Amino acid sequence: AGGHISGDAVHDAQGLDNIEAIGALRLYEAWVSRDYDNRKGWKLGMIDLNVNFDTQETGSLFINSSNGIGSELGHSGLNGPSIFPTTALGVTAYLRPRPSLTLRAGLLDGTAGSPDNPKAFAIRLSSHDGVLAIAQAEQRFENGVRIEGGLWAYSARFDALHRFDANGTPLREQRGRGAYATVEAPLKKEHDDEERGLSGWVRVGWADPVVERITGYVGGGLVYTGLLRSRKADQVGVAISHAIVDDPVTPDPLIAHRSSETALEFTYRYNANDWLALQPDAQFIVHPSGDRTAGTAFVVGLRASITLTRGLLRAVKDVTP
């Protein structure tokens, strides 16, 4: 798990560190699947929804969470959907009518883990929690363009943010739902090496403002692979993530005070070898959590990624007495 820079220091809504989590030991994924000639298939078990739904392939380079899954979906429901760091039981399936078109659908437990005890491993199956239903269509073109769009909805009821009964108790509304769309494409290829070049993407998302605090999102960015001819595997990128949120400072609880949080990220991934990558990163978070009095936070860091490869084993062997 990562540290707690979002929760303890910056207090941003989107999550500037996509591995920030409470330290705990629990089962993350465990599933069985069946594939039928790469034309259709299914998966059943503890599933990370973001592996197949709302994926931003070009954006996976970045560290801000919104560049992996849109913030309006990633922060939906009672405890978020079935994604890192807490997954839930579910079943997903796909159908590929033709090689370029993939249709996906899934039903997952409406509450991932235990909101009251985040460190606990919990499987909650009840009518109170309901289910999360999601459907997505993905089209790929021969020129490398990829278009993806999806719809999602919870069957459970949630407390409305700005609707109350006569006693001041939030009304329970069956309104947890949203939609998203992503377009990404190669923008420039080097003639001497197609692995090198510029790619970009744009994503938009919407969630019901009655029960969801993050109600809208637009983001995107650019990634250049092999900017330096001598460093063909290195990547450099810039991304922007703009989320519409309910202002946490609300003078009148009956009125929604919408504001926004914008994250601008610059990053470089240096692939030292086949097992070690170093990634310096800088982010500007404008009005964290939509708080207009918070100003702008500037965060810099360095992420090191180690992959278990034969190269790593040889390196360990070489330094072992």
C-alpha atoms as a PDB file:
ATOM      1  CA  ALA A   1       0.000   0.000   0.000  1.00  0.00           C
ATOM      2  CA  GLY A   2       1.007   3.581  -0.476  1.00  0.00           C
ATOM      3  CA  GLY A   3       1.270   6.254   2.180  1.00  0.00           C
ATOM      4  CA  HIS A   4      -1.484   8.631   3.221  1.00  0.00           C
ATOM      5  CA  ILE A   5      -0.560  11.826   1.440  1.00  0.00           C
ATOM      6  CA  SER A   6      -4.083  12.406   0.098  1.00  0.00           C
ATOM      7  CA  GLY A   7      -5.884  11.582   3.313  1.00  0.00           C
ATOM      8  CA  ASP A   8      -3.497  13.239   5.781  1.00  0.00           C
ATOM      9  CA  ALA A   9      -1.871  16.106   3.880  1.00  0.00           C
ATOM     10  CA  VAL A  10      -3.468  17.294   0.635  1.00  0.00           C
ATOM     11  CA  HIS A  11      -7.078  16.168   1.294  1.00  0.00           C
ATOM     12  CA  ASP A  12      -7.851  15.961  -2.407  1.00  0.00           C
ATOM     13  CA  ALA A  13     -10.975  14.194  -3.668  1.00  0.00           C
ATOM     14  CA  GLN A  14      -9.589  12.314  -6.662  1.00  0.00           C
ATOM     15  CA  GLY A  15      -6.651  10.591  -4.987  1.00  0.00           C
ATOM     16  CA  LEU A  16      -3.258  11.815  -6.183  1.00  0.00           C
ATOM     17  CA  ASP A  17      -1.611   8.457  -5.390  1.00  0.00           C
ATOM     18  CA  ASN A  18      -3.241   5.418  -6.984  1.00  0.00           C
ATOM     19  CA  ILE A  19      -1.685   2.976  -4.502  1.00  0.00           C
ATOM     20  CA  GLU A  20      -2.634   4.881  -1.346  1.00  0.00           C
ATOM     21  CA  ALA A  21      -4.469   2.521   0.984  1.00  0.00           C
ATOM     22  CA  ILE A  22      -4.854   1.497   4.595  1.00  0.00           C
ATOM     23  CA  GLY A  23      -2.278  -1.131   5.506  1.00  0.00           C
ATOM     24  CA  ALA A  24      -3.990  -4.519   5.659  1.00  0.00           C
ATOM     25  CA  LEU A  25      -3.520  -8.145   4.637  1.00  0.00           C
ATOM     26  CA  ARG A  26      -6.519  -9.503   2.745  1.00  0.00           C
ATOM     27  CA  LEU A  27      -7.537 -11.385  -0.367  1.00  0.00           C
ATOM     28  CA  TYR A  28      -7.503  -9.069  -3.371  1.00  0.00           C
ATOM     29  CA  GLU A  29      -8.530 -11.214  -6.360  1.00  0.00           C
ATOM     30  CA  ALA A  30      -9.567 -14.851  -6.700  1.00  0.00           C
ATOM     31  CA  TRP A  31     -11.673 -15.961  -9.621  1.00  0.00           C
ATOM     32  CA  VAL A  32     -12.382 -18.633 -12.178  1.00  0.00           C
ATOM     33  CA  SER A  33     -12.983 -17.867 -15.826  1.00  0.00           C
ATOM     34  CA  ARG A  34     -13.805 -19.523 -19.107  1.00  0.00           C
ATOM     35  CA  ASP A  35     -12.965 -18.265 -22.582  1.00  0.00           C
ATOM     36  CA  TYR A  36     -14.530 -19.552 -25.784  1.00  0.00           C
ATOM     37  CA  ASP A  37     -12.133 -19.011 -28.722  1.00  0.00           C
ATOM     38  CA  ASN A  38     -11.601 -15.363 -27.753  1.00  0.00           C
ATOM     39  CA  ARG A  39     -15.169 -14.619 -28.877  1.00  0.00           C
ATOM     40  CA  LYS A  40     -16.994 -14.785 -25.547  1.00  0.00           C
ATOM     41  CA  GLY A  41     -16.269 -15.622 -21.956  1.00  0.00           C
ATOM     42  CA  TRP A  42     -17.069 -15.125 -18.299  1.00  0.00           C
ATOM     43  CA  LYS A  43     -15.347 -14.565 -14.938  1.00  0.00           C
ATOM     44  CA  LEU A  44     -16.665 -15.319 -11.429  1.00  0.00           C
ATOM     45  CA  GLY A  45     -15.179 -14.483  -8.032  1.00  0.00           C
ATOM     46  CA  MET A  46     -13.406 -11.599  -6.306  1.00  0.00           C
ATOM     47  CA  ILE A  47     -12.890  -9.268  -9.259  1.00  0.00           C
ATOM     48  CA  ASP A  48     -11.128  -5.960  -9.849  1.00  0.00           C
ATOM     49  CA  LEU A  49     -13.694  -4.177 -12.007  1.00  0.00           C
ATOM     50  CA  ASN A  50     -11.121  -1.793 -13.474  1.00  0.00           C
ATOM     51  CA  VAL A  51      -9.226  -4.590 -15.235  1.00  0.00           C
ATOM     52  CA  ASN A  52     -11.882  -4.741 -17.951  1.00  0.00           C
ATOM     53  CA  PHE A  53     -14.156  -1.729 -17.370  1.00  0.00           C
ATOM     54  CA  ASP A  54     -13.329   1.978 -17.670  1.00  0.00           C
ATOM     55  CA  THR A  55      -9.693   1.334 -18.560  1.00  0.00           C
ATOM     56  CA  GLN A  56      -7.534   4.228 -19.736  1.00  0.00           C
ATOM     57  CA  GLU A  57      -4.713   2.364 -21.455  1.00  0.00           C
ATOM     58  CA  THR A  58      -2.568   5.396 -22.289  1.00  0.00           C
ATOM     59  CA  GLY A  59      -3.338   6.951 -18.915  1.00  0.00           C
ATOM     60  CA  SER A  60      -2.007   3.933 -17.019  1.00  0.00           C
ATOM     61  CA  LEU A  61       1.394   5.628 -16.971  1.00  0.00           C
ATOM     62  CA  PHE A  62       0.223   8.241 -14.468  1.00  0.00           C
ATOM     63  CA  ILE A  63       0.023   8.119 -10.676  1.00  0.00           C
ATOM     64  CA  ASN A  64      -3.145  10.166 -10.053  1.00  0.00           C
ATOM     65  CA  SER A  65      -6.043   7.750  -9.524  1.00  0.00           C
ATOM     66  CA  SER A  66      -8.345   9.478 -12.014  1.00  0.00           C
ATOM     67  CA  ASN A  67      -6.067   8.418 -14.860  1.00  0.00           C
ATOM     68  CA  GLY A  68      -6.809   4.779 -14.083  1.00  0.00           C
ATOM     69  CA  ILE A  69     -10.546   4.902 -13.409  1.00  0.00           C
ATOM     70  CA  GLY A  70     -12.701   8.020 -13.590  1.00  0.00           C
ATOM     71  CA  SER A  71     -13.213   9.659 -10.203  1.00  0.00           C
ATOM     72  CA  GLU A  72     -17.006   9.786 -10.518  1.00  0.00           C
ATOM     73  CA  LEU A  73     -17.108   5.962 -10.825  1.00  0.00           C
ATOM     74  CA  GLY A  74     -14.138   5.292  -8.551  1.00  0.00           C
ATOM     75  CA  HIS A  75     -15.794   7.164  -5.650  1.00  0.00           C
ATOM     76  CA  SER A  76     -19.334   5.938  -6.225  1.00  0.00           C
ATOM     77  CA  GLY A  77     -21.492   3.881  -3.901  1.00  0.00           C
ATOM     78  CA  LEU A  78     -21.111   3.331  -0.168  1.00  0.00           C
ATOM     79  CA  ASN A  79     -17.472   2.220  -0.244  1.00  0.00           C
ATOM     80  CA  GLY A  80     -16.456   2.575  -3.873  1.00  0.00           C
ATOM     81  CA  PRO A  81     -16.894  -0.100  -6.540  1.00  0.00           C
ATOM     82  CA  SER A  82     -14.924  -3.358  -6.664  1.00  0.00           C
ATOM     83  CA  ILE A  83     -11.476  -1.888  -7.410  1.00  0.00           C
ATOM     84  CA  PHE A  84      -8.099  -1.521  -5.664  1.00  0.00           C
ATOM     85  CA  PRO A  85      -7.644  -1.762  -2.730  1.00  0.00           C
ATOM     86  CA  THR A  86     -10.970  -3.460  -1.898  1.00  0.00           C
ATOM     87  CA  THR A  87     -12.731  -5.868  -4.240  1.00  0.00           C
ATOM     88  CA  ALA A  88     -16.055  -7.692  -4.051  1.00  0.00           C
ATOM     89  CA  LEU A  89     -17.742 -10.802  -5.345  1.00  0.00           C
ATOM     90  CA  GLY A  90     -19.120 -10.543  -8.833  1.00  0.00           C
ATOM     91  CA  VAL A  91     -19.565 -12.033 -12.253  1.00  0.00           C
ATOM     92  CA  THR A  92     -18.591 -10.445 -15.568  1.00  0.00           C
ATOM     93  CA  ALA A  93     -18.946 -11.597 -19.153  1.00  0.00           C
ATOM     94  CA  TYR A  94     -17.932 -10.444 -22.591  1.00  0.00           C
ATOM     95  CA  LEU A  95     -19.072 -11.000 -26.151  1.00  0.00           C
ATOM     96  CA  ARG A  96     -17.002 -10.190 -29.230  1.00  0.00           C
ATOM     97  CA  PRO A  97     -19.337 -10.124 -32.290  1.00  0.00           C
ATOM     98  CA  ARG A  98     -16.371  -9.164 -34.448  1.00  0.00           C
ATOM     99  CA  PRO A  99     -12.655  -8.784 -33.661  1.00  0.00           C
ATOM    100  CA  SER A 100     -12.857  -4.995 -33.329  1.00  0.00           C
ATOM    101  CA  LEU A 101     -15.961  -4.812 -31.084  1.00  0.00           C
ATOM    102  CA  THR A 102     -16.180  -6.050 -27.487  1.00  0.00           C
ATOM    103  CA  LEU A 103     -19.339  -5.902 -25.350  1.00  0.00           C
ATOM    104  CA  ARG A 104     -18.998  -6.400 -21.589  1.00  0.00           C
ATOM    105  CA  ALA A 105     -21.401  -6.603 -18.664  1.00  0.00           C
ATOM    106  CA  GLY A 106     -21.054  -7.292 -14.966  1.00  0.00           C
ATOM    107  CA  LEU A 107     -22.972  -7.720 -11.703  1.00  0.00           C
ATOM    108  CA  LEU A 108     -21.013  -7.151  -8.499  1.00  0.00           C
ATOM    109  CA  ASP A 109     -21.737  -6.806  -4.806  1.00  0.00           C
ATOM    110  CA  GLY A 110     -22.902  -3.226  -4.224  1.00  0.00           C
ATOM    111  CA  THR A 111     -20.571  -2.728  -1.229  1.00  0.00           C
ATOM    112  CA  ALA A 112     -16.917  -3.698  -1.495  1.00  0.00           C
ATOM    113  CA  GLY A 113     -15.412  -4.701   1.847  1.00  0.00           C
ATOM    114  CA  SER A 114     -16.557  -3.180   5.133  1.00  0.00           C
ATOM    115  CA  PRO A 115     -17.012   0.627   5.307  1.00  0.00           C
ATOM    116  CA  ASP A 116     -16.935   0.415   9.111  1.00  0.00           C
ATOM    117  CA  ASN A 117     -13.703  -1.593   9.259  1.00  0.00           C
ATOM    118  CA  PRO A 118     -11.536  -0.866   6.199  1.00  0.00           C
ATOM    119  CA  LYS A 119      -8.792  -3.278   7.325  1.00  0.00           C
ATOM    120  CA  ALA A 120     -11.101  -6.266   7.500  1.00  0.00           C
ATOM    121  CA  PHE A 121     -11.686  -8.774   4.738  1.00  0.00           C
ATOM    122  CA  ALA A 122     -15.451  -8.827   4.340  1.00  0.00           C
ATOM    123  CA  ILE A 123     -17.903 -10.289   1.870  1.00  0.00           C
ATOM    124  CA  ARG A 124     -21.266  -8.582   2.190  1.00  0.00           C
ATOM    125  CA  LEU A 125     -24.186 -10.062   0.307  1.00  0.00           C
ATOM    126  CA  SER A 126     -27.506  -8.524   1.295  1.00  0.00           C
ATOM    127  CA  SER A 127     -30.513  -6.819  -0.195  1.00  0.00           C
ATOM    128  CA  HIS A 128     -29.487  -3.677   1.712  1.00  0.00           C
ATOM    129  CA  ASP A 129     -26.178  -3.485  -0.170  1.00  0.00           C
ATOM    130  CA  GLY A 130     -27.728  -4.494  -3.479  1.00  0.00           C
ATOM    131  CA  VAL A 131     -25.627  -4.912  -6.589  1.00  0.00           C
ATOM    132  CA  LEU A 132     -23.643  -2.774  -8.982  1.00  0.00           C
ATOM    133  CA  ALA A 133     -24.566  -3.387 -12.614  1.00  0.00           C
ATOM    134  CA  ILE A 134     -22.258  -2.177 -15.377  1.00  0.00           C
ATOM    135  CA  ALA A 135     -22.270  -2.486 -19.167  1.00  0.00           C
ATOM    136  CA  GLN A 136     -19.654  -1.328 -21.676  1.00  0.00           C
ATOM    137  CA  ALA A 137     -18.957  -1.303 -25.400  1.00  0.00           C
ATOM    138  CA  GLU A 138     -15.431  -0.984 -26.824  1.00  0.00           C
ATOM    139  CA  GLN A 139     -14.558  -0.415 -30.473  1.00  0.00           C
ATOM    140  CA  ARG A 140     -11.025  -0.636 -31.833  1.00  0.00           C
ATOM    141  CA  PHE A 141     -10.033   0.599 -35.294  1.00  0.00           C
ATOM    142  CA  GLU A 142      -7.186  -0.478 -37.558  1.00  0.00           C
ATOM    143  CA  ASN A 143      -5.465   2.909 -37.164  1.00  0.00           C
ATOM    144  CA  GLY A 144      -5.147   2.339 -33.402  1.00  0.00           C
ATOM    145  CA  VAL A 145      -8.065   4.493 -32.274  1.00  0.00           C
ATOM    146  CA  ARG A 146     -10.034   3.025 -29.376  1.00  0.00           C
ATOM    147  CA  ILE A 147     -13.499   4.197 -28.252  1.00  0.00           C
ATOM    148  CA  GLU A 148     -15.066   2.960 -25.029  1.00  0.00           C
ATOM    149  CA  GLY A 149     -18.355   3.853 -23.350  1.00  0.00           C
ATOM    150  CA  GLY A 150     -20.265   2.488 -20.404  1.00  0.00           C
ATOM    151  CA  LEU A 151     -23.256   2.798 -18.066  1.00  0.00           C
ATOM    152  CA  TRP A 152     -23.424   1.792 -14.393  1.00  0.00           C
ATOM    153  CA  ALA A 153     -26.060   1.737 -11.649  1.00  0.00           C
ATOM    154  CA  TYR A 154     -26.471   0.573  -8.048  1.00  0.00           C
ATOM    155  CA  SER A 155     -29.682  -1.152  -6.960  1.00  0.00           C
ATOM    156  CA  ALA A 156     -29.330   0.016  -3.328  1.00  0.00           C
ATOM    157  CA  ARG A 157     -30.562   3.270  -1.855  1.00  0.00           C
ATOM    158  CA  PHE A 158     -28.165   5.954  -0.590  1.00  0.00           C
ATOM    159  CA  ASP A 159     -28.488   9.058   1.564  1.00  0.00           C
ATOM    160  CA  ALA A 160     -29.284  12.103  -0.546  1.00  0.00           C
ATOM    161  CA  LEU A 161     -26.767  14.895  -0.115  1.00  0.00           C
ATOM    162  CA  HIS A 162     -29.224  17.798  -0.001  1.00  0.00           C
ATOM    163  CA  ARG A 163     -32.662  16.276   0.544  1.00  0.00           C
ATOM    164  CA  PHE A 164     -34.068  15.762   4.054  1.00  0.00           C
ATOM    165  CA  ASP A 165     -37.308  14.741   5.726  1.00  0.00           C
ATOM    166  CA  ALA A 166     -39.141  16.838   8.321  1.00  0.00           C
ATOM    167  CA  ASN A 167     -36.805  15.559  11.054  1.00  0.00           C
ATOM    168  CA  GLY A 168     -33.677  16.557   9.143  1.00  0.00           C
ATOM    169  CA  THR A 169     -32.769  12.978   8.212  1.00  0.00           C
ATOM    170  CA  PRO A 170     -31.328  12.532   4.699  1.00  0.00           C
ATOM    171  CA  LEU A 171     -33.779  10.916   2.310  1.00  0.00           C
ATOM    172  CA  ARG A 172     -32.833   7.501   0.951  1.00  0.00           C
ATOM    173  CA  GLU A 173     -32.725   7.612  -2.828  1.00  0.00           C
ATOM    174  CA  GLN A 174     -32.177   4.887  -5.426  1.00  0.00           C
ATOM    175  CA  ARG A 175     -30.096   7.213  -7.586  1.00  0.00           C
ATOM    176  CA  GLY A 176     -26.551   5.781  -7.710  1.00  0.00           C
ATOM    177  CA  ARG A 177     -25.856   5.749 -11.452  1.00  0.00           C
ATOM    178  CA  GLY A 178     -23.594   7.219 -14.098  1.00  0.00           C
ATOM    179  CA  ALA A 179     -21.994   7.016 -17.515  1.00  0.00           C
ATOM    180  CA  TYR A 180     -18.536   7.418 -19.043  1.00  0.00           C
ATOM    181  CA  ALA A 181     -16.776   7.525 -22.393  1.00  0.00           C
ATOM    182  CA  THR A 182     -13.130   7.418 -23.481  1.00  0.00           C
ATOM    183  CA  VAL A 183     -11.354   8.039 -26.780  1.00  0.00           C
ATOM    184  CA  GLU A 184      -7.647   7.324 -27.167  1.00  0.00           C
ATOM    185  CA  ALA A 185      -5.408   7.131 -30.189  1.00  0.00           C
ATOM    186  CA  PRO A 186      -1.836   7.183 -31.475  1.00  0.00           C
ATOM    187  CA  LEU A 187      -1.118  10.722 -32.632  1.00  0.00           C
ATOM    188  CA  LYS A 188       2.387  10.387 -34.073  1.00  0.00           C
ATOM    189  CA  LYS A 189       4.573   7.407 -34.931  1.00  0.00           C
ATOM    190  CA  GLU A 190       8.281   7.482 -35.622  1.00  0.00           C
ATOM    191  CA  HIS A 191       8.920   6.174 -39.147  1.00  0.00           C
ATOM    192  CA  ASP A 192      11.942   4.127 -38.116  1.00  0.00           C
ATOM    193  CA  ASP A 193      10.313   2.552 -35.040  1.00  0.00           C
ATOM    194  CA  GLU A 194       6.542   2.186 -34.571  1.00  0.00           C
ATOM    195  CA  GLU A 195       7.005   1.504 -30.852  1.00  0.00           C
ATOM    196  CA  ARG A 196       8.118   5.113 -30.436  1.00  0.00           C
ATOM    197  CA  GLY A 197       5.655   7.963 -30.733  1.00  0.00           C
ATOM    198  CA  LEU A 198       2.943  10.146 -29.204  1.00  0.00           C
ATOM    199  CA  SER A 199      -0.420   8.909 -27.915  1.00  0.00           C
ATOM    200  CA  GLY A 200      -3.287  10.721 -26.245  1.00  0.00           C
ATOM    201  CA  TRP A 201      -6.700  10.219 -24.703  1.00  0.00           C
ATOM    202  CA  VAL A 202      -9.770  12.085 -23.470  1.00  0.00           C
ATOM    203  CA  ARG A 203     -12.321  10.798 -20.952  1.00  0.00           C
ATOM    204  CA  VAL A 204     -15.621  12.232 -19.696  1.00  0.00           C
ATOM    205  CA  GLY A 205     -17.916  10.940 -16.959  1.00  0.00           C
ATOM    206  CA  TRP A 206     -21.149  11.788 -15.157  1.00  0.00           C
ATOM    207  CA  ALA A 207     -22.753  10.608 -11.895  1.00  0.00           C
ATOM    208  CA  ASP A 208     -26.108  11.415 -10.320  1.00  0.00           C
ATOM    209  CA  PRO A 209     -25.703  14.594  -8.211  1.00  0.00           C
ATOM    210  CA  VAL A 210     -28.502  13.611  -5.816  1.00  0.00           C
ATOM    211  CA  VAL A 211     -26.366  10.993  -4.018  1.00  0.00           C
ATOM    212  CA  GLU A 212     -22.848  11.254  -5.462  1.00  0.00           C
ATOM    213  CA  ARG A 213     -20.366  13.858  -4.256  1.00  0.00           C
ATOM    214  CA  ILE A 214     -18.232  13.703  -7.441  1.00  0.00           C
ATOM    215  CA  THR A 215     -20.774  14.312 -10.179  1.00  0.00           C
ATOM    216  CA  GLY A 216     -18.753  15.081 -13.279  1.00  0.00           C
ATOM    217  CA  TYR A 217     -15.323  14.491 -14.728  1.00  0.00           C
ATOM    218  CA  VAL A 218     -13.293  15.407 -17.786  1.00  0.00           C
ATOM    219  CA  GLY A 219      -9.648  14.525 -18.253  1.00  0.00           C
ATOM    220  CA  GLY A 220      -7.006  13.403 -20.660  1.00  0.00           C
ATOM    221  CA  GLY A 221      -3.378  13.642 -21.535  1.00  0.00           C
ATOM    222  CA  LEU A 222      -0.439  12.907 -23.775  1.00  0.00           C
ATOM    223  CA  VAL A 223       2.257  10.245 -23.508  1.00  0.00           C
ATOM    224  CA  TYR A 224       5.419  10.036 -25.608  1.00  0.00           C
ATOM    225  CA  THR A 225       7.185   6.680 -25.699  1.00  0.00           C
ATOM    226  CA  GLY A 226      10.856   6.752 -26.655  1.00  0.00           C
ATOM    227  CA  LEU A 227      11.261  10.516 -26.763  1.00  0.00           C
ATOM    228  CA  LEU A 228      15.016   9.960 -26.604  1.00  0.00           C
ATOM    229  CA  ARG A 229      16.221   7.638 -29.344  1.00  0.00           C
ATOM    230  CA  SER A 230      18.629   6.017 -26.915  1.00  0.00           C
ATOM    231  CA  ARG A 231      15.796   5.395 -24.397  1.00  0.00           C
ATOM    232  CA  LYS A 232      13.117   3.695 -26.522  1.00  0.00           C
ATOM    233  CA  ALA A 233      11.203   2.194 -23.615  1.00  0.00           C
ATOM    234  CA  ASP A 234      11.034   5.350 -21.478  1.00  0.00           C
ATOM    235  CA  GLN A 235       7.801   7.333 -21.328  1.00  0.00           C
ATOM    236  CA  VAL A 236       7.091  10.981 -20.572  1.00  0.00           C
ATOM    237  CA  GLY A 237       3.621  12.386 -20.114  1.00  0.00           C
ATOM    238  CA  VAL A 238       1.326  15.180 -19.024  1.00  0.00           C
ATOM    239  CA  ALA A 239      -2.264  14.709 -17.864  1.00  0.00           C
ATOM    240  CA  ILE A 240      -5.094  16.832 -16.508  1.00  0.00           C
ATOM    241  CA  SER A 241      -8.018  15.606 -14.395  1.00  0.00           C
ATOM    242  CA  HIS A 242     -10.952  17.925 -13.649  1.00  0.00           C
ATOM    243  CA  ALA A 243     -13.647  16.725 -11.240  1.00  0.00           C
ATOM    244  CA  ILE A 244     -16.895  18.447 -10.268  1.00  0.00           C
ATOM    245  CA  VAL A 245     -17.504  17.999  -6.540  1.00  0.00           C
ATOM    246  CA  ASP A 246     -19.848  19.239  -3.852  1.00  0.00           C
ATOM    247  CA  ASP A 247     -18.027  21.976  -1.966  1.00  0.00           C
ATOM    248  CA  PRO A 248     -17.167  20.561   1.482  1.00  0.00           C
ATOM    249  CA  VAL A 249     -17.855  23.994   3.003  1.00  0.00           C
ATOM    250  CA  THR A 250     -21.639  24.171   2.602  1.00  0.00           C
ATOM    251  CA  PRO A 251     -23.385  27.072   4.384  1.00  0.00           C
ATOM    252  CA  ASP A 252     -26.845  25.712   3.527  1.00  0.00           C
ATOM    253  CA  PRO A 253     -27.151  21.897   3.568  1.00  0.00           C
ATOM    254  CA  LEU A 254     -30.318  22.100   1.454  1.00  0.00           C
ATOM    255  CA  ILE A 255     -28.478  23.665  -1.486  1.00  0.00           C
ATOM    256  CA  ALA A 256     -25.765  21.990  -3.530  1.00  0.00           C
ATOM    257  CA  HIS A 257     -22.650  24.142  -3.779  1.00  0.00           C
ATOM    258  CA  ARG A 258     -20.779  22.646  -6.706  1.00  0.00           C
ATOM    259  CA  SER A 259     -17.096  23.397  -7.103  1.00  0.00           C
ATOM    260  CA  SER A 260     -14.205  21.660  -8.813  1.00  0.00           C
ATOM    261  CA  GLU A 261     -10.803  20.114  -8.256  1.00  0.00           C
ATOM    262  CA  THR A 262      -8.203  20.067 -11.013  1.00  0.00           C
ATOM    263  CA  ALA A 263      -5.058  17.941 -10.992  1.00  0.00           C
ATOM    264  CA  LEU A 264      -2.219  18.602 -13.441  1.00  0.00           C
ATOM    265  CA  GLU A 265       0.428  15.879 -13.551  1.00  0.00           C
ATOM    266  CA  PHE A 266       3.861  15.630 -15.166  1.00  0.00           C
ATOM    267  CA  THR A 267       5.712  12.322 -15.071  1.00  0.00           C
ATOM    268  CA  TYR A 268       8.645  10.417 -16.576  1.00  0.00           C
ATOM    269  CA  ARG A 269       9.134   6.655 -16.377  1.00  0.00           C
ATOM    270  CA  TYR A 270      12.780   5.630 -16.623  1.00  0.00           C
ATOM    271  CA  ASN A 271      13.046   1.919 -17.386  1.00  0.00           C
ATOM    272  CA  ALA A 272      16.495   1.134 -16.027  1.00  0.00           C
ATOM    273  CA  ASN A 273      16.295  -2.532 -17.092  1.00  0.00           C
ATOM    274  CA  ASP A 274      13.739  -5.317 -17.359  1.00  0.00           C
ATOM    275  CA  TRP A 275      13.084  -5.361 -13.603  1.00  0.00           C
ATOM    276  CA  LEU A 276      13.551  -1.796 -12.321  1.00  0.00           C
ATOM    277  CA  ALA A 277      11.707   1.389 -13.291  1.00  0.00           C
ATOM    278  CA  LEU A 278      12.022   4.799 -11.628  1.00  0.00           C
ATOM    279  CA  GLN A 279       9.291   7.384 -12.067  1.00  0.00           C
ATOM    280  CA  PRO A 280       9.695  10.970 -10.854  1.00  0.00           C
ATOM    281  CA  ASP A 281       6.319  12.700 -10.703  1.00  0.00           C
ATOM    282  CA  ALA A 282       4.985  16.200 -10.042  1.00  0.00           C
ATOM    283  CA  GLN A 283       1.354  17.202  -9.504  1.00  0.00           C
ATOM    284  CA  PHE A 284      -0.450  20.490  -9.031  1.00  0.00           C
ATOM    285  CA  ILE A 285      -3.796  20.037  -7.220  1.00  0.00           C
ATOM    286  CA  VAL A 286      -5.952  23.151  -7.642  1.00  0.00           C
ATOM    287  CA  HIS A 287      -8.614  23.572  -4.917  1.00  0.00           C
ATOM    288  CA  PRO A 288      -8.351  20.109  -3.291  1.00  0.00           C
ATOM    289  CA  SER A 289     -11.826  18.603  -2.770  1.00  0.00           C
ATOM    290  CA  GLY A 290     -13.306  21.672  -4.416  1.00  0.00           C
ATOM    291  CA  ASP A 291     -12.445  23.870  -1.424  1.00  0.00           C
ATOM    292  CA  ARG A 292     -11.923  27.356  -2.860  1.00  0.00           C
ATOM    293  CA  THR A 293     -10.092  28.434   0.305  1.00  0.00           C
ATOM    294  CA  ALA A 294      -7.489  25.659  -0.029  1.00  0.00           C
ATOM    295  CA  GLY A 295      -5.470  27.161  -2.901  1.00  0.00           C
ATOM    296  CA  THR A 296      -3.099  24.891  -4.844  1.00  0.00           C
ATOM    297  CA  ALA A 297      -1.070  21.971  -3.532  1.00  0.00           C
ATOM    298  CA  PHE A 298       2.229  21.047  -5.195  1.00  0.00           C
ATOM    299  CA  VAL A 299       3.341  17.447  -4.723  1.00  0.00           C
ATOM    300  CA  VAL A 300       6.524  15.804  -5.984  1.00  0.00           C
ATOM    301  CA  GLY A 301       7.603  12.225  -5.538  1.00  0.00           C
ATOM    302  CA  LEU A 302       9.500   9.261  -6.925  1.00  0.00           C
ATOM    303  CA  ARG A 303       8.014   5.825  -7.499  1.00  0.00           C
ATOM    304  CA  ALA A 304      10.193   2.745  -7.874  1.00  0.00           C
ATOM    305  CA  SER A 305       8.726  -0.352  -9.525  1.00  0.00           C
ATOM    306  CA  ILE A 306      10.402  -3.736  -9.220  1.00  0.00           C
ATOM    307  CA  THR A 307       9.245  -6.691 -11.318  1.00  0.00           C
ATOM    308  CA  LEU A 308      10.240 -10.274 -10.596  1.00  0.00           C
ATOM    309  CA  THR A 309      12.168 -11.310 -13.704  1.00  0.00           C
ATOM    310  CA  ARG A 310      15.108 -13.557 -14.505  1.00  0.00           C
ATOM    311  CA  GLY A 311      17.214 -10.418 -14.740  1.00  0.00           C
ATOM    312  CA  LEU A 312      16.386  -9.563 -11.138  1.00  0.00           C
ATOM    313  CA  LEU A 313      17.205 -13.086  -9.980  1.00  0.00           C
ATOM    314  CA  ARG A 314      20.563 -12.904 -11.732  1.00  0.00           C
ATOM    315  CA  ALA A 315      21.266  -9.523 -10.132  1.00  0.00           C
ATOM    316  CA  VAL A 316      20.475 -10.886  -6.684  1.00  0.00           C
ATOM    317  CA  LYS A 317      22.630 -13.905  -7.329  1.00  0.00           C
ATOM    318  CA  ASP A 318      25.550 -11.742  -8.452  1.00  0.00           C
ATOM    319  CA  VAL A 319      25.554  -9.694  -5.222  1.00  0.00           C
ATOM    320  CA  THR A 320      24.917 -12.633  -2.911  1.00  0.00           C
ATOM    321  CA  PRO A 321      28.119 -13.762  -1.130  1.00  0.00           C
END
